Amino acid sequence: MQSSPRCGARTRGGTICRAPALHGKARCRMHGGARRSGAPRGNQNARKHGMFAKDRTTERRQIRDLLDESWKLLDGLK
């Protein structure tokens, strides 16, 4: 146990974490070595409400308009 590689993360106190790193990883289970650890990819909640809500609705409208134009173009080629 003493010779196992150590986690390279910094603690809140500024020192290096002394916990053993997980097998095949550079971090311990508390600093991101465990499966599914850490924050989720992208902040999906920010897009649902708040200051991004208006941007999201305009983005959906633009995508819908683009798809409508694409379908009309494809129907015209037939």
PDB file of N, CA and C in Angstrom:
ATOM      1  N   MET A   1       0.824  -1.198   0.000  1.00  0.00           N
ATOM      2  CA  MET A   1       0.000   0.000   0.000  1.00  0.00           C
ATOM      3  C   MET A   1       0.866   1.260   0.000  1.00  0.00           C
ATOM      4  N   GLN A   2       1.993   1.212   0.691  1.00  0.00           N
ATOM      5  CA  GLN A   2       2.861   2.386   0.772  1.00  0.00           C
ATOM      6  C   GLN A   2       3.504   2.723  -0.568  1.00  0.00           C
ATOM      7  N   SER A   3       3.743   1.707  -1.404  1.00  0.00           N
ATOM      8  CA  SER A   3       4.441   1.950  -2.662  1.00  0.00           C
ATOM      9  C   SER A   3       3.495   2.273  -3.815  1.00  0.00           C
ATOM     10  N   SER A   4       2.179   2.276  -3.580  1.00  0.00           N
ATOM     11  CA  SER A   4       1.236   2.560  -4.662  1.00  0.00           C
ATOM     12  C   SER A   4       1.322   4.029  -5.065  1.00  0.00           C
ATOM     13  N   PRO A   5       1.046   4.335  -6.342  1.00  0.00           N
ATOM     14  CA  PRO A   5       1.095   5.734  -6.786  1.00  0.00           C
ATOM     15  C   PRO A   5       0.037   6.570  -6.073  1.00  0.00           C
ATOM     16  N   ARG A   6       0.350   7.822  -5.855  1.00  0.00           N
ATOM     17  CA  ARG A   6      -0.544   8.718  -5.125  1.00  0.00           C
ATOM     18  C   ARG A   6      -1.309   9.629  -6.059  1.00  0.00           C
ATOM     19  N   CYS A   7      -2.423  10.118  -5.566  1.00  0.00           N
ATOM     20  CA  CYS A   7      -3.263  11.058  -6.310  1.00  0.00           C
ATOM     21  C   CYS A   7      -2.498  12.370  -6.489  1.00  0.00           C
ATOM     22  N   GLY A   8      -2.604  12.981  -7.650  1.00  0.00           N
ATOM     23  CA  GLY A   8      -1.879  14.211  -7.912  1.00  0.00           C
ATOM     24  C   GLY A   8      -2.702  15.468  -7.726  1.00  0.00           C
ATOM     25  N   ALA A   9      -3.911  15.327  -7.192  1.00  0.00           N
ATOM     26  CA  ALA A   9      -4.789  16.492  -7.032  1.00  0.00           C
ATOM     27  C   ALA A   9      -4.345  17.356  -5.854  1.00  0.00           C
ATOM     28  N   ARG A  10      -4.716  18.616  -5.905  1.00  0.00           N
ATOM     29  CA  ARG A  10      -4.430  19.541  -4.808  1.00  0.00           C
ATOM     30  C   ARG A  10      -5.653  19.613  -3.901  1.00  0.00           C
ATOM     31  N   THR A  11      -5.400  19.675  -2.612  1.00  0.00           N
ATOM     32  CA  THR A  11      -6.486  19.800  -1.646  1.00  0.00           C
ATOM     33  C   THR A  11      -6.827  21.272  -1.450  1.00  0.00           C
ATOM     34  N   ARG A  12      -7.826  21.538  -0.650  1.00  0.00           N
ATOM     35  CA  ARG A  12      -8.221  22.921  -0.379  1.00  0.00           C
ATOM     36  C   ARG A  12      -7.122  23.677   0.349  1.00  0.00           C
ATOM     37  N   GLY A  13      -6.354  22.949   1.124  1.00  0.00           N
ATOM     38  CA  GLY A  13      -5.261  23.564   1.861  1.00  0.00           C
ATOM     39  C   GLY A  13      -4.033  23.832   1.008  1.00  0.00           C
ATOM     40  N   GLY A  14      -4.045  23.383  -0.239  1.00  0.00           N
ATOM     41  CA  GLY A  14      -2.935  23.631  -1.144  1.00  0.00           C
ATOM     42  C   GLY A  14      -1.913  22.510  -1.181  1.00  0.00           C
ATOM     43  N   THR A  15      -2.087  21.497  -0.340  1.00  0.00           N
ATOM     44  CA  THR A  15      -1.161  20.373  -0.345  1.00  0.00           C
ATOM     45  C   THR A  15      -1.616  19.328  -1.362  1.00  0.00           C
ATOM     46  N   ILE A  16      -0.749  18.381  -1.636  1.00  0.00           N
ATOM     47  CA  ILE A  16      -1.085  17.317  -2.578  1.00  0.00           C
ATOM     48  C   ILE A  16      -1.845  16.226  -1.828  1.00  0.00           C
ATOM     49  N   CYS A  17      -2.862  15.685  -2.462  1.00  0.00           N
ATOM     50  CA  CYS A  17      -3.656  14.609  -1.873  1.00  0.00           C
ATOM     51  C   CYS A  17      -2.769  13.384  -1.672  1.00  0.00           C
ATOM     52  N   ARG A  18      -2.880  12.757  -0.513  1.00  0.00           N
ATOM     53  CA  ARG A  18      -2.037  11.607  -0.202  1.00  0.00           C
ATOM     54  C   ARG A  18      -2.759  10.284  -0.374  1.00  0.00           C
ATOM     55  N   ALA A  19      -3.983  10.297  -0.868  1.00  0.00           N
ATOM     56  CA  ALA A  19      -4.732   9.061  -1.076  1.00  0.00           C
ATOM     57  C   ALA A  19      -4.152   8.297  -2.264  1.00  0.00           C
ATOM     58  N   PRO A  20      -4.241   6.974  -2.251  1.00  0.00           N
ATOM     59  CA  PRO A  20      -3.714   6.215  -3.379  1.00  0.00           C
ATOM     60  C   PRO A  20      -4.577   6.412  -4.627  1.00  0.00           C
ATOM     61  N   ALA A  21      -3.923   6.517  -5.777  1.00  0.00           N
ATOM     62  CA  ALA A  21      -4.640   6.653  -7.043  1.00  0.00           C
ATOM     63  C   ALA A  21      -5.268   5.320  -7.409  1.00  0.00           C
ATOM     64  N   LEU A  22      -6.362   5.345  -8.137  1.00  0.00           N
ATOM     65  CA  LEU A  22      -7.005   4.121  -8.572  1.00  0.00           C
ATOM     66  C   LEU A  22      -6.168   3.445  -9.648  1.00  0.00           C
ATOM     67  N   HIS A  23      -6.361   2.166  -9.790  1.00  0.00           N
ATOM     68  CA  HIS A  23      -5.587   1.387 -10.758  1.00  0.00           C
ATOM     69  C   HIS A  23      -5.792   1.929 -12.173  1.00  0.00           C
ATOM     70  N   GLY A  24      -4.712   2.311 -12.811  1.00  0.00           N
ATOM     71  CA  GLY A  24      -4.782   2.830 -14.172  1.00  0.00           C
ATOM     72  C   GLY A  24      -5.175   4.292 -14.272  1.00  0.00           C
ATOM     73  N   LYS A  25      -5.320   4.967 -13.156  1.00  0.00           N
ATOM     74  CA  LYS A  25      -5.728   6.372 -13.146  1.00  0.00           C
ATOM     75  C   LYS A  25      -4.685   7.203 -12.410  1.00  0.00           C
ATOM     76  N   ALA A  26      -4.783   8.516 -12.573  1.00  0.00           N
ATOM     77  CA  ALA A  26      -3.849   9.413 -11.891  1.00  0.00           C
ATOM     78  C   ALA A  26      -4.476  10.064 -10.660  1.00  0.00           C
ATOM     79  N   ARG A  27      -5.771   9.784 -10.420  1.00  0.00           N
ATOM     80  CA  ARG A  27      -6.473  10.416  -9.304  1.00  0.00           C
ATOM     81  C   ARG A  27      -7.110   9.369  -8.402  1.00  0.00           C
ATOM     82  N   CYS A  28      -7.386   9.764  -7.174  1.00  0.00           N
ATOM     83  CA  CYS A  28      -8.057   8.874  -6.225  1.00  0.00           C
ATOM     84  C   CYS A  28      -9.567   8.904  -6.489  1.00  0.00           C
ATOM     85  N   ARG A  29     -10.295   8.105  -5.724  1.00  0.00           N
ATOM     86  CA  ARG A  29     -11.741   8.011  -5.941  1.00  0.00           C
ATOM     87  C   ARG A  29     -12.450   9.321  -5.617  1.00  0.00           C
ATOM     88  N   MET A  30     -11.850  10.149  -4.780  1.00  0.00           N
ATOM     89  CA  MET A  30     -12.499  11.400  -4.379  1.00  0.00           C
ATOM     90  C   MET A  30     -12.187  12.557  -5.330  1.00  0.00           C
ATOM     91  N   HIS A  31     -11.157  12.409  -6.160  1.00  0.00           N
ATOM     92  CA  HIS A  31     -10.753  13.504  -7.044  1.00  0.00           C
ATOM     93  C   HIS A  31     -10.902  13.174  -8.521  1.00  0.00           C
ATOM     94  N   GLY A  32     -11.804  12.288  -8.846  1.00  0.00           N
ATOM     95  CA  GLY A  32     -12.111  12.063 -10.256  1.00  0.00           C
ATOM     96  C   GLY A  32     -11.632  10.758 -10.822  1.00  0.00           C
ATOM     97  N   GLY A  33     -11.108   9.850 -10.028  1.00  0.00           N
ATOM     98  CA  GLY A  33     -10.654   8.574 -10.551  1.00  0.00           C
ATOM     99  C   GLY A  33     -11.767   7.560 -10.688  1.00  0.00           C
ATOM    100  N   ALA A  34     -12.832   7.709  -9.912  1.00  0.00           N
ATOM    101  CA  ALA A  34     -13.928   6.753  -9.930  1.00  0.00           C
ATOM    102  C   ALA A  34     -14.793   6.936 -11.168  1.00  0.00           C
ATOM    103  N   ARG A  35     -15.452   5.878 -11.560  1.00  0.00           N
ATOM    104  CA  ARG A  35     -16.368   5.964 -12.698  1.00  0.00           C
ATOM    105  C   ARG A  35     -17.497   6.921 -12.382  1.00  0.00           C
ATOM    106  N   ARG A  36     -17.879   7.685 -13.356  1.00  0.00           N
ATOM    107  CA  ARG A  36     -18.982   8.642 -13.267  1.00  0.00           C
ATOM    108  C   ARG A  36     -18.767   9.710 -12.199  1.00  0.00           C
ATOM    109  N   SER A  37     -17.540   9.973 -11.832  1.00  0.00           N
ATOM    110  CA  SER A  37     -17.290  11.022 -10.848  1.00  0.00           C
ATOM    111  C   SER A  37     -17.121  12.355 -11.548  1.00  0.00           C
ATOM    112  N   GLY A  38     -17.347  13.420 -10.836  1.00  0.00           N
ATOM    113  CA  GLY A  38     -17.215  14.755 -11.392  1.00  0.00           C
ATOM    114  C   GLY A  38     -18.540  15.307 -11.867  1.00  0.00           C
ATOM    115  N   ALA A  39     -18.501  16.482 -12.396  1.00  0.00           N
ATOM    116  CA  ALA A  39     -19.711  17.158 -12.862  1.00  0.00           C
ATOM    117  C   ALA A  39     -20.174  16.554 -14.189  1.00  0.00           C
ATOM    118  N   PRO A  40     -21.475  16.616 -14.481  1.00  0.00           N
ATOM    119  CA  PRO A  40     -21.953  16.119 -15.762  1.00  0.00           C
ATOM    120  C   PRO A  40     -21.445  16.991 -16.901  1.00  0.00           C
ATOM    121  N   ARG A  41     -21.336  16.420 -18.076  1.00  0.00           N
ATOM    122  CA  ARG A  41     -20.843  17.161 -19.236  1.00  0.00           C
ATOM    123  C   ARG A  41     -21.879  18.195 -19.666  1.00  0.00           C
ATOM    124  N   GLY A  42     -21.464  19.445 -19.708  1.00  0.00           N
ATOM    125  CA  GLY A  42     -22.384  20.518 -20.108  1.00  0.00           C
ATOM    126  C   GLY A  42     -23.396  20.803 -19.016  1.00  0.00           C
ATOM    127  N   ASN A  43     -23.809  22.023 -18.911  1.00  0.00           N
ATOM    128  CA  ASN A  43     -24.800  22.396 -17.913  1.00  0.00           C
ATOM    129  C   ASN A  43     -26.148  22.457 -18.591  1.00  0.00           C
ATOM    130  N   GLN A  44     -26.878  21.350 -18.551  1.00  0.00           N
ATOM    131  CA  GLN A  44     -28.167  21.275 -19.223  1.00  0.00           C
ATOM    132  C   GLN A  44     -29.232  22.118 -18.518  1.00  0.00           C
ATOM    133  N   ASN A  45     -29.090  22.336 -17.231  1.00  0.00           N
ATOM    134  CA  ASN A  45     -30.092  23.104 -16.496  1.00  0.00           C
ATOM    135  C   ASN A  45     -30.090  24.573 -16.898  1.00  0.00           C
ATOM    136  N   ALA A  46     -28.960  25.102 -17.299  1.00  0.00           N
ATOM    137  CA  ALA A  46     -28.885  26.515 -17.665  1.00  0.00           C
ATOM    138  C   ALA A  46     -29.666  26.786 -18.950  1.00  0.00           C
ATOM    139  N   ARG A  47     -29.885  25.774 -19.764  1.00  0.00           N
ATOM    140  CA  ARG A  47     -30.597  25.961 -21.017  1.00  0.00           C
ATOM    141  C   ARG A  47     -32.111  25.917 -20.843  1.00  0.00           C
ATOM    142  N   LYS A  48     -32.597  25.418 -19.707  1.00  0.00           N
ATOM    143  CA  LYS A  48     -34.032  25.228 -19.521  1.00  0.00           C
ATOM    144  C   LYS A  48     -34.737  26.458 -18.976  1.00  0.00           C
ATOM    145  N   HIS A  49     -34.056  27.210 -18.173  1.00  0.00           N
ATOM    146  CA  HIS A  49     -34.683  28.373 -17.564  1.00  0.00           C
ATOM    147  C   HIS A  49     -33.621  29.427 -17.288  1.00  0.00           C
ATOM    148  N   GLY A  50     -34.058  30.578 -16.943  1.00  0.00           N
ATOM    149  CA  GLY A  50     -33.100  31.630 -16.624  1.00  0.00           C
ATOM    150  C   GLY A  50     -32.715  32.442 -17.843  1.00  0.00           C
ATOM    151  N   MET A  51     -31.468  32.886 -17.862  1.00  0.00           N
ATOM    152  CA  MET A  51     -31.071  33.832 -18.895  1.00  0.00           C
ATOM    153  C   MET A  51     -30.886  33.189 -20.269  1.00  0.00           C
ATOM    154  N   PHE A  52     -30.856  31.856 -20.366  1.00  0.00           N
ATOM    155  CA  PHE A  52     -30.680  31.215 -21.655  1.00  0.00           C
ATOM    156  C   PHE A  52     -32.000  30.787 -22.294  1.00  0.00           C
ATOM    157  N   ALA A  53     -33.112  30.960 -21.616  1.00  0.00           N
ATOM    158  CA  ALA A  53     -34.394  30.483 -22.121  1.00  0.00           C
ATOM    159  C   ALA A  53     -34.752  31.136 -23.453  1.00  0.00           C
ATOM    160  N   LYS A  54     -34.535  32.425 -23.568  1.00  0.00           N
ATOM    161  CA  LYS A  54     -34.878  33.121 -24.802  1.00  0.00           C
ATOM    162  C   LYS A  54     -33.979  32.659 -25.950  1.00  0.00           C
ATOM    163  N   ASP A  55     -32.691  32.460 -25.665  1.00  0.00           N
ATOM    164  CA  ASP A  55     -31.773  31.971 -26.692  1.00  0.00           C
ATOM    165  C   ASP A  55     -32.176  30.584 -27.172  1.00  0.00           C
ATOM    166  N   ARG A  56     -32.594  29.748 -26.249  1.00  0.00           N
ATOM    167  CA  ARG A  56     -32.974  28.378 -26.599  1.00  0.00           C
ATOM    168  C   ARG A  56     -34.206  28.354 -27.489  1.00  0.00           C
ATOM    169  N   THR A  57     -35.198  29.191 -27.199  1.00  0.00           N
ATOM    170  CA  THR A  57     -36.409  29.197 -28.022  1.00  0.00           C
ATOM    171  C   THR A  57     -36.106  29.729 -29.418  1.00  0.00           C
ATOM    172  N   THR A  58     -35.267  30.735 -29.533  1.00  0.00           N
ATOM    173  CA  THR A  58     -34.915  31.234 -30.865  1.00  0.00           C
ATOM    174  C   THR A  58     -34.088  30.197 -31.621  1.00  0.00           C
ATOM    175  N   GLU A  59     -33.238  29.475 -30.911  1.00  0.00           N
ATOM    176  CA  GLU A  59     -32.444  28.430 -31.559  1.00  0.00           C
ATOM    177  C   GLU A  59     -33.344  27.318 -32.089  1.00  0.00           C
ATOM    178  N   ARG A  60     -34.330  26.899 -31.288  1.00  0.00           N
ATOM    179  CA  ARG A  60     -35.275  25.870 -31.737  1.00  0.00           C
ATOM    180  C   ARG A  60     -36.069  26.340 -32.946  1.00  0.00           C
ATOM    181  N   ARG A  61     -36.467  27.609 -32.939  1.00  0.00           N
ATOM    182  CA  ARG A  61     -37.240  28.158 -34.051  1.00  0.00           C
ATOM    183  C   ARG A  61     -36.405  28.175 -35.330  1.00  0.00           C
ATOM    184  N   GLN A  62     -35.129  28.547 -35.221  1.00  0.00           N
ATOM    185  CA  GLN A  62     -34.257  28.567 -36.388  1.00  0.00           C
ATOM    186  C   GLN A  62     -34.027  27.160 -36.932  1.00  0.00           C
ATOM    187  N   ILE A  63     -33.859  26.201 -36.051  1.00  0.00           N
ATOM    188  CA  ILE A  63     -33.664  24.819 -36.495  1.00  0.00           C
ATOM    189  C   ILE A  63     -34.920  24.301 -37.186  1.00  0.00           C
ATOM    190  N   ARG A  64     -36.080  24.601 -36.624  1.00  0.00           N
ATOM    191  CA  ARG A  64     -37.336  24.166 -37.224  1.00  0.00           C
ATOM    192  C   ARG A  64     -37.521  24.804 -38.603  1.00  0.00           C
ATOM    193  N   ASP A  65     -37.198  26.083 -38.751  1.00  0.00           N
ATOM    194  CA  ASP A  65     -37.307  26.749 -40.044  1.00  0.00           C
ATOM    195  C   ASP A  65     -36.348  26.146 -41.067  1.00  0.00           C
ATOM    196  N   LEU A  66     -35.142  25.838 -40.631  1.00  0.00           N
ATOM    197  CA  LEU A  66     -34.166  25.225 -41.527  1.00  0.00           C
ATOM    198  C   LEU A  66     -34.633  23.849 -41.999  1.00  0.00           C
ATOM    199  N   LEU A  67     -35.198  23.083 -41.088  1.00  0.00           N
ATOM    200  CA  LEU A  67     -35.712  21.763 -41.471  1.00  0.00           C
ATOM    201  C   LEU A  67     -36.897  21.884 -42.429  1.00  0.00           C
ATOM    202  N   ASP A  68     -37.764  22.855 -42.196  1.00  0.00           N
ATOM    203  CA  ASP A  68     -38.895  23.068 -43.102  1.00  0.00           C
ATOM    204  C   ASP A  68     -38.413  23.421 -44.507  1.00  0.00           C
ATOM    205  N   GLU A  69     -37.419  24.293 -44.586  1.00  0.00           N
ATOM    206  CA  GLU A  69     -36.871  24.661 -45.898  1.00  0.00           C
ATOM    207  C   GLU A  69     -36.214  23.469 -46.576  1.00  0.00           C
ATOM    208  N   SER A  70     -35.553  22.631 -45.800  1.00  0.00           N
ATOM    209  CA  SER A  70     -34.896  21.453 -46.358  1.00  0.00           C
ATOM    210  C   SER A  70     -35.920  20.472 -46.919  1.00  0.00           C
ATOM    211  N   TRP A  71     -37.024  20.255 -46.184  1.00  0.00           N
ATOM    212  CA  TRP A  71     -38.065  19.362 -46.673  1.00  0.00           C
ATOM    213  C   TRP A  71     -38.717  19.907 -47.941  1.00  0.00           C
ATOM    214  N   LYS A  72     -38.924  21.222 -47.992  1.00  0.00           N
ATOM    215  CA  LYS A  72     -39.509  21.818 -49.201  1.00  0.00           C
ATOM    216  C   LYS A  72     -38.570  21.659 -50.397  1.00  0.00           C
ATOM    217  N   LEU A  73     -37.281  21.825 -50.175  1.00  0.00           N
ATOM    218  CA  LEU A  73     -36.298  21.650 -51.238  1.00  0.00           C
ATOM    219  C   LEU A  73     -36.292  20.203 -51.726  1.00  0.00           C
ATOM    220  N   LEU A  74     -36.322  19.258 -50.810  1.00  0.00           N
ATOM    221  CA  LEU A  74     -36.333  17.841 -51.184  1.00  0.00           C
ATOM    222  C   LEU A  74     -37.607  17.470 -51.937  1.00  0.00           C
ATOM    223  N   ASP A  75     -38.745  18.029 -51.514  1.00  0.00           N
ATOM    224  CA  ASP A  75     -40.013  17.766 -52.230  1.00  0.00           C
ATOM    225  C   ASP A  75     -39.968  18.368 -53.629  1.00  0.00           C
ATOM    226  N   GLY A  76     -39.315  19.506 -53.789  1.00  0.00           N
ATOM    227  CA  GLY A  76     -39.208  20.149 -55.097  1.00  0.00           C
ATOM    228  C   GLY A  76     -38.304  19.377 -56.060  1.00  0.00           C
ATOM    229  N   LEU A  77     -37.331  18.639 -55.530  1.00  0.00           N
ATOM    230  CA  LEU A  77     -36.452  17.846 -56.371  1.00  0.00           C
ATOM    231  C   LEU A  77     -37.101  16.579 -56.891  1.00  0.00           C
ATOM    232  N   LYS A  78     -38.143  16.129 -56.236  1.00  0.00           N
ATOM    233  CA  LYS A  78     -38.843  14.902 -56.660  1.00  0.00           C
ATOM    234  C   LYS A  78     -39.626  15.167 -57.868  1.00  0.00           C
TER     235      LYS A  78
END
